[in-house]
Amino acid sequence: MEYVYASLVLHAAGKKVDEAGLAGVLKAAGVQVDEARVKALVAALEGVNIDEAIKSAAVPTAAVPAAAPAKPEEKKEEKKAEEEKKEEEALAGLGALFG
């Protein structure tokens, strides 16, 4: 992933995404550079309009579903466990009354 991020950094800075630039960004970030991966990425991005790719990959925020609420079953299990604990405590207290 860091290779893709490095290419996006170069693009955002208005620099050409080439092997030397990509390797430079990765080295500056402290990443051990794999030259084969650099070459493959540069070759894959050849002729790609990065701005258009970003726009087509962007998802409108309205289309992103909200976080799923907690499952009702989990809540029921928690409530049952709490109720059982309360019952046990109540019974223990009654047992002390009758000796």
PDB file of N, CA and C in Angstrom:
ATOM      1  N   MET A   1       0.815  -1.183   0.000  1.00  0.00           N
ATOM      2  CA  MET A   1       0.000   0.000   0.000  1.00  0.00           C
ATOM      3  C   MET A   1       0.864   1.254   0.000  1.00  0.00           C
ATOM      4  N   GLU A   2       2.004   1.176   0.684  1.00  0.00           N
ATOM      5  CA  GLU A   2       2.846   2.360   0.774  1.00  0.00           C
ATOM      6  C   GLU A   2       3.345   2.809  -0.597  1.00  0.00           C
ATOM      7  N   TYR A   3       3.446   1.880  -1.544  1.00  0.00           N
ATOM      8  CA  TYR A   3       3.881   2.240  -2.892  1.00  0.00           C
ATOM      9  C   TYR A   3       2.812   3.096  -3.577  1.00  0.00           C
ATOM     10  N   VAL A   4       1.564   2.716  -3.397  1.00  0.00           N
ATOM     11  CA  VAL A   4       0.458   3.484  -3.979  1.00  0.00           C
ATOM     12  C   VAL A   4       0.382   4.859  -3.325  1.00  0.00           C
ATOM     13  N   TYR A   5       0.526   4.893  -2.001  1.00  0.00           N
ATOM     14  CA  TYR A   5       0.499   6.174  -1.297  1.00  0.00           C
ATOM     15  C   TYR A   5       1.627   7.088  -1.773  1.00  0.00           C
ATOM     16  N   ALA A   6       2.796   6.519  -1.987  1.00  0.00           N
ATOM     17  CA  ALA A   6       3.930   7.312  -2.462  1.00  0.00           C
ATOM     18  C   ALA A   6       3.635   7.888  -3.841  1.00  0.00           C
ATOM     19  N   SER A   7       2.988   7.103  -4.686  1.00  0.00           N
ATOM     20  CA  SER A   7       2.650   7.616  -6.021  1.00  0.00           C
ATOM     21  C   SER A   7       1.620   8.733  -5.913  1.00  0.00           C
ATOM     22  N   LEU A   8       0.700   8.618  -4.964  1.00  0.00           N
ATOM     23  CA  LEU A   8      -0.290   9.677  -4.771  1.00  0.00           C
ATOM     24  C   LEU A   8       0.356  10.948  -4.228  1.00  0.00           C
ATOM     25  N   VAL A   9       1.360  10.793  -3.378  1.00  0.00           N
ATOM     26  CA  VAL A   9       2.086  11.957  -2.856  1.00  0.00           C
ATOM     27  C   VAL A   9       2.781  12.676  -4.005  1.00  0.00           C
ATOM     28  N   LEU A  10       3.450  11.914  -4.855  1.00  0.00           N
ATOM     29  CA  LEU A  10       4.120  12.525  -6.012  1.00  0.00           C
ATOM     30  C   LEU A  10       3.111  13.247  -6.898  1.00  0.00           C
ATOM     31  N   HIS A  11       1.991  12.601  -7.153  1.00  0.00           N
ATOM     32  CA  HIS A  11       0.973  13.207  -8.012  1.00  0.00           C
ATOM     33  C   HIS A  11       0.421  14.489  -7.391  1.00  0.00           C
ATOM     34  N   ALA A  12       0.142  14.448  -6.094  1.00  0.00           N
ATOM     35  CA  ALA A  12      -0.393  15.622  -5.410  1.00  0.00           C
ATOM     36  C   ALA A  12       0.600  16.774  -5.407  1.00  0.00           C
ATOM     37  N   ALA A  13       1.889  16.452  -5.407  1.00  0.00           N
ATOM     38  CA  ALA A  13       2.925  17.482  -5.420  1.00  0.00           C
ATOM     39  C   ALA A  13       3.188  17.999  -6.830  1.00  0.00           C
ATOM     40  N   GLY A  14       2.493  17.439  -7.805  1.00  0.00           N
ATOM     41  CA  GLY A  14       2.677  17.875  -9.182  1.00  0.00           C
ATOM     42  C   GLY A  14       3.913  17.285  -9.839  1.00  0.00           C
ATOM     43  N   LYS A  15       4.465  16.253  -9.265  1.00  0.00           N
ATOM     44  CA  LYS A  15       5.656  15.596  -9.811  1.00  0.00           C
ATOM     45  C   LYS A  15       5.240  14.418 -10.681  1.00  0.00           C
ATOM     46  N   LYS A  16       6.143  14.053 -11.578  1.00  0.00           N
ATOM     47  CA  LYS A  16       5.901  12.891 -12.421  1.00  0.00           C
ATOM     48  C   LYS A  16       6.101  11.634 -11.584  1.00  0.00           C
ATOM     49  N   VAL A  17       5.188  10.674 -11.730  1.00  0.00           N
ATOM     50  CA  VAL A  17       5.310   9.409 -11.019  1.00  0.00           C
ATOM     51  C   VAL A  17       6.229   8.512 -11.847  1.00  0.00           C
ATOM     52  N   ASP A  18       7.505   8.514 -11.457  1.00  0.00           N
ATOM     53  CA  ASP A  18       8.488   7.664 -12.134  1.00  0.00           C
ATOM     54  C   ASP A  18       9.260   6.864 -11.083  1.00  0.00           C
ATOM     55  N   GLU A  19      10.115   5.978 -11.553  1.00  0.00           N
ATOM     56  CA  GLU A  19      10.838   5.082 -10.650  1.00  0.00           C
ATOM     57  C   GLU A  19      11.703   5.833  -9.643  1.00  0.00           C
ATOM     58  N   ALA A  20      12.410   6.847 -10.113  1.00  0.00           N
ATOM     59  CA  ALA A  20      13.305   7.586  -9.224  1.00  0.00           C
ATOM     60  C   ALA A  20      12.518   8.353  -8.160  1.00  0.00           C
ATOM     61  N   GLY A  21      11.456   8.996  -8.564  1.00  0.00           N
ATOM     62  CA  GLY A  21      10.646   9.756  -7.618  1.00  0.00           C
ATOM     63  C   GLY A  21       9.961   8.857  -6.603  1.00  0.00           C
ATOM     64  N   LEU A  22       9.437   7.751  -7.084  1.00  0.00           N
ATOM     65  CA  LEU A  22       8.753   6.812  -6.205  1.00  0.00           C
ATOM     66  C   LEU A  22       9.724   6.209  -5.190  1.00  0.00           C
ATOM     67  N   ALA A  23      10.896   5.813  -5.659  1.00  0.00           N
ATOM     68  CA  ALA A  23      11.918   5.263  -4.757  1.00  0.00           C
ATOM     69  C   ALA A  23      12.366   6.314  -3.745  1.00  0.00           C
ATOM     70  N   GLY A  24      12.478   7.552  -4.172  1.00  0.00           N
ATOM     71  CA  GLY A  24      12.882   8.633  -3.274  1.00  0.00           C
ATOM     72  C   GLY A  24      11.884   8.868  -2.146  1.00  0.00           C
ATOM     73  N   VAL A  25      10.602   8.871  -2.491  1.00  0.00           N
ATOM     74  CA  VAL A  25       9.564   9.074  -1.481  1.00  0.00           C
ATOM     75  C   VAL A  25       9.561   7.905  -0.496  1.00  0.00           C
ATOM     76  N   LEU A  26       9.686   6.706  -1.010  1.00  0.00           N
ATOM     77  CA  LEU A  26       9.678   5.528  -0.144  1.00  0.00           C
ATOM     78  C   LEU A  26      10.887   5.517   0.792  1.00  0.00           C
ATOM     79  N   LYS A  27      12.054   5.851   0.264  1.00  0.00           N
ATOM     80  CA  LYS A  27      13.262   5.896   1.100  1.00  0.00           C
ATOM     81  C   LYS A  27      13.129   6.970   2.175  1.00  0.00           C
ATOM     82  N   ALA A  28      12.564   8.115   1.807  1.00  0.00           N
ATOM     83  CA  ALA A  28      12.388   9.201   2.771  1.00  0.00           C
ATOM     84  C   ALA A  28      11.428   8.795   3.891  1.00  0.00           C
ATOM     85  N   ALA A  29      10.509   7.893   3.567  1.00  0.00           N
ATOM     86  CA  ALA A  29       9.551   7.419   4.565  1.00  0.00           C
ATOM     87  C   ALA A  29      10.108   6.260   5.389  1.00  0.00           C
ATOM     88  N   GLY A  30      11.313   5.827   5.045  1.00  0.00           N
ATOM     89  CA  GLY A  30      11.929   4.740   5.802  1.00  0.00           C
ATOM     90  C   GLY A  30      11.511   3.354   5.350  1.00  0.00           C
ATOM     91  N   VAL A  31      10.990   3.255   4.155  1.00  0.00           N
ATOM     92  CA  VAL A  31      10.557   1.966   3.613  1.00  0.00           C
ATOM     93  C   VAL A  31      11.706   1.350   2.819  1.00  0.00           C
ATOM     94  N   GLN A  32      11.908   0.049   3.021  1.00  0.00           N
ATOM     95  CA  GLN A  32      12.916  -0.651   2.222  1.00  0.00           C
ATOM     96  C   GLN A  32      12.325  -0.843   0.832  1.00  0.00           C
ATOM     97  N   VAL A  33      12.962  -0.274  -0.166  1.00  0.00           N
ATOM     98  CA  VAL A  33      12.416  -0.216  -1.517  1.00  0.00           C
ATOM     99  C   VAL A  33      12.677  -1.516  -2.265  1.00  0.00           C
ATOM    100  N   ASP A  34      11.619  -2.067  -2.845  1.00  0.00           N
ATOM    101  CA  ASP A  34      11.703  -3.230  -3.722  1.00  0.00           C
ATOM    102  C   ASP A  34      11.599  -2.697  -5.154  1.00  0.00           C
ATOM    103  N   GLU A  35      12.715  -2.718  -5.848  1.00  0.00           N
ATOM    104  CA  GLU A  35      12.774  -2.129  -7.196  1.00  0.00           C
ATOM    105  C   GLU A  35      11.774  -2.774  -8.155  1.00  0.00           C
ATOM    106  N   ALA A  36      11.539  -4.066  -8.009  1.00  0.00           N
ATOM    107  CA  ALA A  36      10.588  -4.744  -8.885  1.00  0.00           C
ATOM    108  C   ALA A  36       9.169  -4.202  -8.680  1.00  0.00           C
ATOM    109  N   ARG A  37       8.811  -3.953  -7.434  1.00  0.00           N
ATOM    110  CA  ARG A  37       7.482  -3.400  -7.154  1.00  0.00           C
ATOM    111  C   ARG A  37       7.363  -1.972  -7.673  1.00  0.00           C
ATOM    112  N   VAL A  38       8.451  -1.210  -7.560  1.00  0.00           N
ATOM    113  CA  VAL A  38       8.458   0.165  -8.065  1.00  0.00           C
ATOM    114  C   VAL A  38       8.241   0.149  -9.573  1.00  0.00           C
ATOM    115  N   LYS A  39       8.989  -0.691 -10.271  1.00  0.00           N
ATOM    116  CA  LYS A  39       8.857  -0.778 -11.730  1.00  0.00           C
ATOM    117  C   LYS A  39       7.460  -1.227 -12.129  1.00  0.00           C
ATOM    118  N   ALA A  40       6.921  -2.204 -11.408  1.00  0.00           N
ATOM    119  CA  ALA A  40       5.590  -2.712 -11.736  1.00  0.00           C
ATOM    120  C   ALA A  40       4.532  -1.628 -11.556  1.00  0.00           C
ATOM    121  N   LEU A  41       4.634  -0.872 -10.480  1.00  0.00           N
ATOM    122  CA  LEU A  41       3.649   0.181 -10.235  1.00  0.00           C
ATOM    123  C   LEU A  41       3.751   1.286 -11.278  1.00  0.00           C
ATOM    124  N   VAL A  42       4.955   1.703 -11.584  1.00  0.00           N
ATOM    125  CA  VAL A  42       5.136   2.751 -12.587  1.00  0.00           C
ATOM    126  C   VAL A  42       4.583   2.277 -13.931  1.00  0.00           C
ATOM    127  N   ALA A  43       4.840   1.027 -14.283  1.00  0.00           N
ATOM    128  CA  ALA A  43       4.321   0.480 -15.538  1.00  0.00           C
ATOM    129  C   ALA A  43       2.796   0.412 -15.518  1.00  0.00           C
ATOM    130  N   ALA A  44       2.216   0.047 -14.369  1.00  0.00           N
ATOM    131  CA  ALA A  44       0.759  -0.047 -14.260  1.00  0.00           C
ATOM    132  C   ALA A  44       0.092   1.323 -14.348  1.00  0.00           C
ATOM    133  N   LEU A  45       0.790   2.353 -13.886  1.00  0.00           N
ATOM    134  CA  LEU A  45       0.223   3.700 -13.918  1.00  0.00           C
ATOM    135  C   LEU A  45       0.466   4.424 -15.235  1.00  0.00           C
ATOM    136  N   GLU A  46       1.227   3.820 -16.110  1.00  0.00           N
ATOM    137  CA  GLU A  46       1.521   4.426 -17.411  1.00  0.00           C
ATOM    138  C   GLU A  46       0.224   4.628 -18.182  1.00  0.00           C
ATOM    139  N   GLY A  47      -0.057   5.871 -18.545  1.00  0.00           N
ATOM    140  CA  GLY A  47      -1.251   6.198 -19.317  1.00  0.00           C
ATOM    141  C   GLY A  47      -2.518   6.322 -18.486  1.00  0.00           C
ATOM    142  N   VAL A  48      -2.422   6.190 -17.172  1.00  0.00           N
ATOM    143  CA  VAL A  48      -3.596   6.304 -16.304  1.00  0.00           C
ATOM    144  C   VAL A  48      -3.747   7.753 -15.859  1.00  0.00           C
ATOM    145  N   ASN A  49      -4.945   8.278 -15.995  1.00  0.00           N
ATOM    146  CA  ASN A  49      -5.236   9.613 -15.499  1.00  0.00           C
ATOM    147  C   ASN A  49      -5.571   9.462 -14.015  1.00  0.00           C
ATOM    148  N   ILE A  50      -4.631   9.808 -13.171  1.00  0.00           N
ATOM    149  CA  ILE A  50      -4.784   9.577 -11.729  1.00  0.00           C
ATOM    150  C   ILE A  50      -5.946  10.381 -11.163  1.00  0.00           C
ATOM    151  N   ASP A  51      -6.128  11.603 -11.625  1.00  0.00           N
ATOM    152  CA  ASP A  51      -7.254  12.413 -11.141  1.00  0.00           C
ATOM    153  C   ASP A  51      -8.589  11.739 -11.437  1.00  0.00           C
ATOM    154  N   GLU A  52      -8.750  11.206 -12.633  1.00  0.00           N
ATOM    155  CA  GLU A  52      -9.986  10.517 -12.999  1.00  0.00           C
ATOM    156  C   GLU A  52     -10.155   9.232 -12.192  1.00  0.00           C
ATOM    157  N   ALA A  53      -9.062   8.536 -11.961  1.00  0.00           N
ATOM    158  CA  ALA A  53      -9.131   7.306 -11.165  1.00  0.00           C
ATOM    159  C   ALA A  53      -9.568   7.606  -9.740  1.00  0.00           C
ATOM    160  N   ILE A  54      -9.073   8.700  -9.187  1.00  0.00           N
ATOM    161  CA  ILE A  54      -9.458   9.091  -7.832  1.00  0.00           C
ATOM    162  C   ILE A  54     -10.936   9.469  -7.793  1.00  0.00           C
ATOM    163  N   LYS A  55     -11.388  10.235  -8.778  1.00  0.00           N
ATOM    164  CA  LYS A  55     -12.795  10.638  -8.811  1.00  0.00           C
ATOM    165  C   LYS A  55     -13.724   9.441  -8.945  1.00  0.00           C
ATOM    166  N   SER A  56     -13.343   8.480  -9.788  1.00  0.00           N
ATOM    167  CA  SER A  56     -14.217   7.319  -9.982  1.00  0.00           C
ATOM    168  C   SER A  56     -14.186   6.389  -8.776  1.00  0.00           C
ATOM    169  N   ALA A  57     -13.124   6.450  -7.987  1.00  0.00           N
ATOM    170  CA  ALA A  57     -13.031   5.600  -6.793  1.00  0.00           C
ATOM    171  C   ALA A  57     -13.687   6.247  -5.591  1.00  0.00           C
ATOM    172  N   ALA A  58     -13.895   7.550  -5.632  1.00  0.00           N
ATOM    173  CA  ALA A  58     -14.480   8.255  -4.492  1.00  0.00           C
ATOM    174  C   ALA A  58     -15.940   7.871  -4.340  1.00  0.00           C
ATOM    175  N   VAL A  59     -16.357   7.641  -3.106  1.00  0.00           N
ATOM    176  CA  VAL A  59     -17.738   7.272  -2.804  1.00  0.00           C
ATOM    177  C   VAL A  59     -18.395   8.458  -2.117  1.00  0.00           C
ATOM    178  N   PRO A  60     -19.548   8.884  -2.592  1.00  0.00           N
ATOM    179  CA  PRO A  60     -20.246   9.972  -1.915  1.00  0.00           C
ATOM    180  C   PRO A  60     -20.554   9.575  -0.475  1.00  0.00           C
ATOM    181  N   THR A  61     -20.452  10.523   0.420  1.00  0.00           N
ATOM    182  CA  THR A  61     -20.647  10.221   1.837  1.00  0.00           C
ATOM    183  C   THR A  61     -22.072   9.776   2.136  1.00  0.00           C
ATOM    184  N   ALA A  62     -23.032  10.190   1.335  1.00  0.00           N
ATOM    185  CA  ALA A  62     -24.411   9.789   1.570  1.00  0.00           C
ATOM    186  C   ALA A  62     -24.604   8.305   1.276  1.00  0.00           C
ATOM    187  N   ALA A  63     -23.765   7.736   0.429  1.00  0.00           N
ATOM    188  CA  ALA A  63     -23.901   6.333   0.071  1.00  0.00           C
ATOM    189  C   ALA A  63     -23.252   5.405   1.088  1.00  0.00           C
ATOM    190  N   VAL A  64     -22.458   5.948   1.987  1.00  0.00           N
ATOM    191  CA  VAL A  64     -21.790   5.127   2.989  1.00  0.00           C
ATOM    192  C   VAL A  64     -22.778   4.850   4.119  1.00  0.00           C
ATOM    193  N   PRO A  65     -23.040   3.582   4.408  1.00  0.00           N
ATOM    194  CA  PRO A  65     -24.004   3.286   5.471  1.00  0.00           C
ATOM    195  C   PRO A  65     -23.447   3.653   6.839  1.00  0.00           C
ATOM    196  N   ALA A  66     -24.338   4.013   7.718  1.00  0.00           N
ATOM    197  CA  ALA A  66     -23.935   4.336   9.090  1.00  0.00           C
ATOM    198  C   ALA A  66     -23.487   3.059   9.782  1.00  0.00           C
ATOM    199  N   ALA A  67     -22.760   3.233  10.847  1.00  0.00           N
ATOM    200  CA  ALA A  67     -22.292   2.071  11.596  1.00  0.00           C
ATOM    201  C   ALA A  67     -23.491   1.248  12.051  1.00  0.00           C
ATOM    202  N   ALA A  68     -23.357  -0.038  11.931  1.00  0.00           N
ATOM    203  CA  ALA A  68     -24.451  -0.929  12.302  1.00  0.00           C
ATOM    204  C   ALA A  68     -24.672  -0.882  13.810  1.00  0.00           C
ATOM    205  N   PRO A  69     -25.908  -0.792  14.225  1.00  0.00           N
ATOM    206  CA  PRO A  69     -26.160  -0.785  15.669  1.00  0.00           C
ATOM    207  C   PRO A  69     -25.835  -2.150  16.264  1.00  0.00           C
ATOM    208  N   ALA A  70     -25.619  -2.164  17.555  1.00  0.00           N
ATOM    209  CA  ALA A  70     -25.316  -3.419  18.231  1.00  0.00           C
ATOM    210  C   ALA A  70     -26.475  -4.386  18.037  1.00  0.00           C
ATOM    211  N   LYS A  71     -26.150  -5.634  17.920  1.00  0.00           N
ATOM    212  CA  LYS A  71     -27.177  -6.641  17.696  1.00  0.00           C
ATOM    213  C   LYS A  71     -28.066  -6.747  18.919  1.00  0.00           C
ATOM    214  N   PRO A  72     -29.373  -6.814  18.707  1.00  0.00           N
ATOM    215  CA  PRO A  72     -30.288  -6.923  19.844  1.00  0.00           C
ATOM    216  C   PRO A  72     -30.037  -8.192  20.657  1.00  0.00           C
ATOM    217  N   GLU A  73     -29.603  -9.276  20.008  1.00  0.00           N
ATOM    218  CA  GLU A  73     -29.351 -10.524  20.720  1.00  0.00           C
ATOM    219  C   GLU A  73     -28.270 -10.348  21.769  1.00  0.00           C
ATOM    220  N   GLU A  74     -27.226  -9.598  21.420  1.00  0.00           N
ATOM    221  CA  GLU A  74     -26.146  -9.373  22.373  1.00  0.00           C
ATOM    222  C   GLU A  74     -26.670  -8.605  23.591  1.00  0.00           C
ATOM    223  N   LYS A  75     -27.508  -7.633  23.343  1.00  0.00           N
ATOM    224  CA  LYS A  75     -28.068  -6.845  24.437  1.00  0.00           C
ATOM    225  C   LYS A  75     -28.953  -7.719  25.309  1.00  0.00           C
ATOM    226  N   LYS A  76     -29.741  -8.607  24.687  1.00  0.00           N
ATOM    227  CA  LYS A  76     -30.613  -9.490  25.443  1.00  0.00           C
ATOM    228  C   LYS A  76     -29.795 -10.422  26.334  1.00  0.00           C
ATOM    229  N   GLU A  77     -28.697 -10.941  25.791  1.00  0.00           N
ATOM    230  CA  GLU A  77     -27.838 -11.839  26.575  1.00  0.00           C
ATOM    231  C   GLU A  77     -27.245 -11.107  27.775  1.00  0.00           C
ATOM    232  N   GLU A  78     -26.819  -9.875  27.551  1.00  0.00           N
ATOM    233  CA  GLU A  78     -26.267  -9.092  28.648  1.00  0.00           C
ATOM    234  C   GLU A  78     -27.326  -8.833  29.719  1.00  0.00           C
ATOM    235  N   LYS A  79     -28.538  -8.507  29.288  1.00  0.00           N
ATOM    236  CA  LYS A  79     -29.618  -8.241  30.234  1.00  0.00           C
ATOM    237  C   LYS A  79     -29.961  -9.495  31.025  1.00  0.00           C
ATOM    238  N   LYS A  80     -29.997 -10.644  30.330  1.00  0.00           N
ATOM    239  CA  LYS A  80     -30.296 -11.899  31.015  1.00  0.00           C
ATOM    240  C   LYS A  80     -29.244 -12.197  32.070  1.00  0.00           C
ATOM    241  N   ALA A  81     -27.994 -11.996  31.743  1.00  0.00           N
ATOM    242  CA  ALA A  81     -26.907 -12.260  32.686  1.00  0.00           C
ATOM    243  C   ALA A  81     -27.030 -11.345  33.899  1.00  0.00           C
ATOM    244  N   GLU A  82     -27.366 -10.087  33.673  1.00  0.00           N
ATOM    245  CA  GLU A  82     -27.533  -9.141  34.778  1.00  0.00           C
ATOM    246  C   GLU A  82     -28.728  -9.528  35.643  1.00  0.00           C
ATOM    247  N   GLU A  83     -29.825  -9.929  35.015  1.00  0.00           N
ATOM    248  CA  GLU A  83     -31.011 -10.329  35.764  1.00  0.00           C
ATOM    249  C   GLU A  83     -30.746 -11.577  36.603  1.00  0.00           C
ATOM    250  N   GLU A  84     -30.028 -12.541  36.029  1.00  0.00           N
ATOM    251  CA  GLU A  84     -29.695 -13.755  36.773  1.00  0.00           C
ATOM    252  C   GLU A  84     -28.816 -13.428  37.974  1.00  0.00           C
ATOM    253  N   LYS A  85     -27.892 -12.523  37.801  1.00  0.00           N
ATOM    254  CA  LYS A  85     -27.006 -12.132  38.895  1.00  0.00           C
ATOM    255  C   LYS A  85     -27.821 -11.462  40.009  1.00  0.00           C
ATOM    256  N   LYS A  86     -28.743 -10.596  39.624  1.00  0.00           N
ATOM    257  CA  LYS A  86     -29.586  -9.919  40.613  1.00  0.00           C
ATOM    258  C   LYS A  86     -30.452 -10.926  41.370  1.00  0.00           C
ATOM    259  N   GLU A  87     -30.982 -11.929  40.641  1.00  0.00           N
ATOM    260  CA  GLU A  87     -31.803 -12.954  41.282  1.00  0.00           C
ATOM    261  C   GLU A  87     -30.991 -13.745  42.299  1.00  0.00           C
ATOM    262  N   GLU A  88     -29.782 -14.103  41.923  1.00  0.00           N
ATOM    263  CA  GLU A  88     -28.904 -14.856  42.823  1.00  0.00           C
ATOM    264  C   GLU A  88     -28.606 -14.037  44.080  1.00  0.00           C
ATOM    265  N   GLU A  89     -28.356 -12.769  43.912  1.00  0.00           N
ATOM    266  CA  GLU A  89     -28.080 -11.905  45.056  1.00  0.00           C
ATOM    267  C   GLU A  89     -29.308 -11.793  45.960  1.00  0.00           C
ATOM    268  N   ALA A  90     -30.462 -11.679  45.333  1.00  0.00           N
ATOM    269  CA  ALA A  90     -31.708 -11.569  46.102  1.00  0.00           C
ATOM    270  C   ALA A  90     -31.967 -12.851  46.874  1.00  0.00           C
ATOM    271  N   LEU A  91     -31.774 -13.991  46.232  1.00  0.00           N
ATOM    272  CA  LEU A  91     -31.987 -15.265  46.893  1.00  0.00           C
ATOM    273  C   LEU A  91     -30.989 -15.472  48.038  1.00  0.00           C
ATOM    274  N   ALA A  92     -29.773 -15.043  47.841  1.00  0.00           N
ATOM    275  CA  ALA A  92     -28.765 -15.161  48.894  1.00  0.00           C
ATOM    276  C   ALA A  92     -29.179 -14.325  50.105  1.00  0.00           C
ATOM    277  N   GLY A  93     -29.730 -13.177  49.873  1.00  0.00           N
ATOM    278  CA  GLY A  93     -30.186 -12.310  50.957  1.00  0.00           C
ATOM    279  C   GLY A  93     -31.368 -12.923  51.705  1.00  0.00           C
ATOM    280  N   LEU A  94     -32.300 -13.535  50.981  1.00  0.00           N
ATOM    281  CA  LEU A  94     -33.450 -14.180  51.617  1.00  0.00           C
ATOM    282  C   LEU A  94     -33.020 -15.387  52.438  1.00  0.00           C
ATOM    283  N   GLY A  95     -32.043 -16.120  51.957  1.00  0.00           N
ATOM    284  CA  GLY A  95     -31.537 -17.287  52.680  1.00  0.00           C
ATOM    285  C   GLY A  95     -30.948 -16.897  54.018  1.00  0.00           C
ATOM    286  N   ALA A  96     -30.362 -15.739  54.108  1.00  0.00           N
ATOM    287  CA  ALA A  96     -29.783 -15.276  55.360  1.00  0.00           C
ATOM    288  C   ALA A  96     -30.867 -14.959  56.382  1.00  0.00           C
ATOM    289  N   LEU A  97     -32.047 -14.532  55.891  1.00  0.00           N
ATOM    290  CA  LEU A  97     -33.159 -14.240  56.799  1.00  0.00           C
ATOM    291  C   LEU A  97     -33.678 -15.489  57.509  1.00  0.00           C
ATOM    292  N   PHE A  98     -33.708 -16.591  56.807  1.00  0.00           N
ATOM    293  CA  PHE A  98     -34.290 -17.808  57.355  1.00  0.00           C
ATOM    294  C   PHE A  98     -33.256 -18.766  57.914  1.00  0.00           C
ATOM    295  N   GLY A  99     -32.019 -18.372  57.942  1.00  0.00           N
ATOM    296  CA  GLY A  99     -30.995 -19.060  58.656  1.00  0.00           C
ATOM    297  C   GLY A  99     -30.435 -20.262  58.147  1.00  0.00           C
TER     298      GLY A  99
END
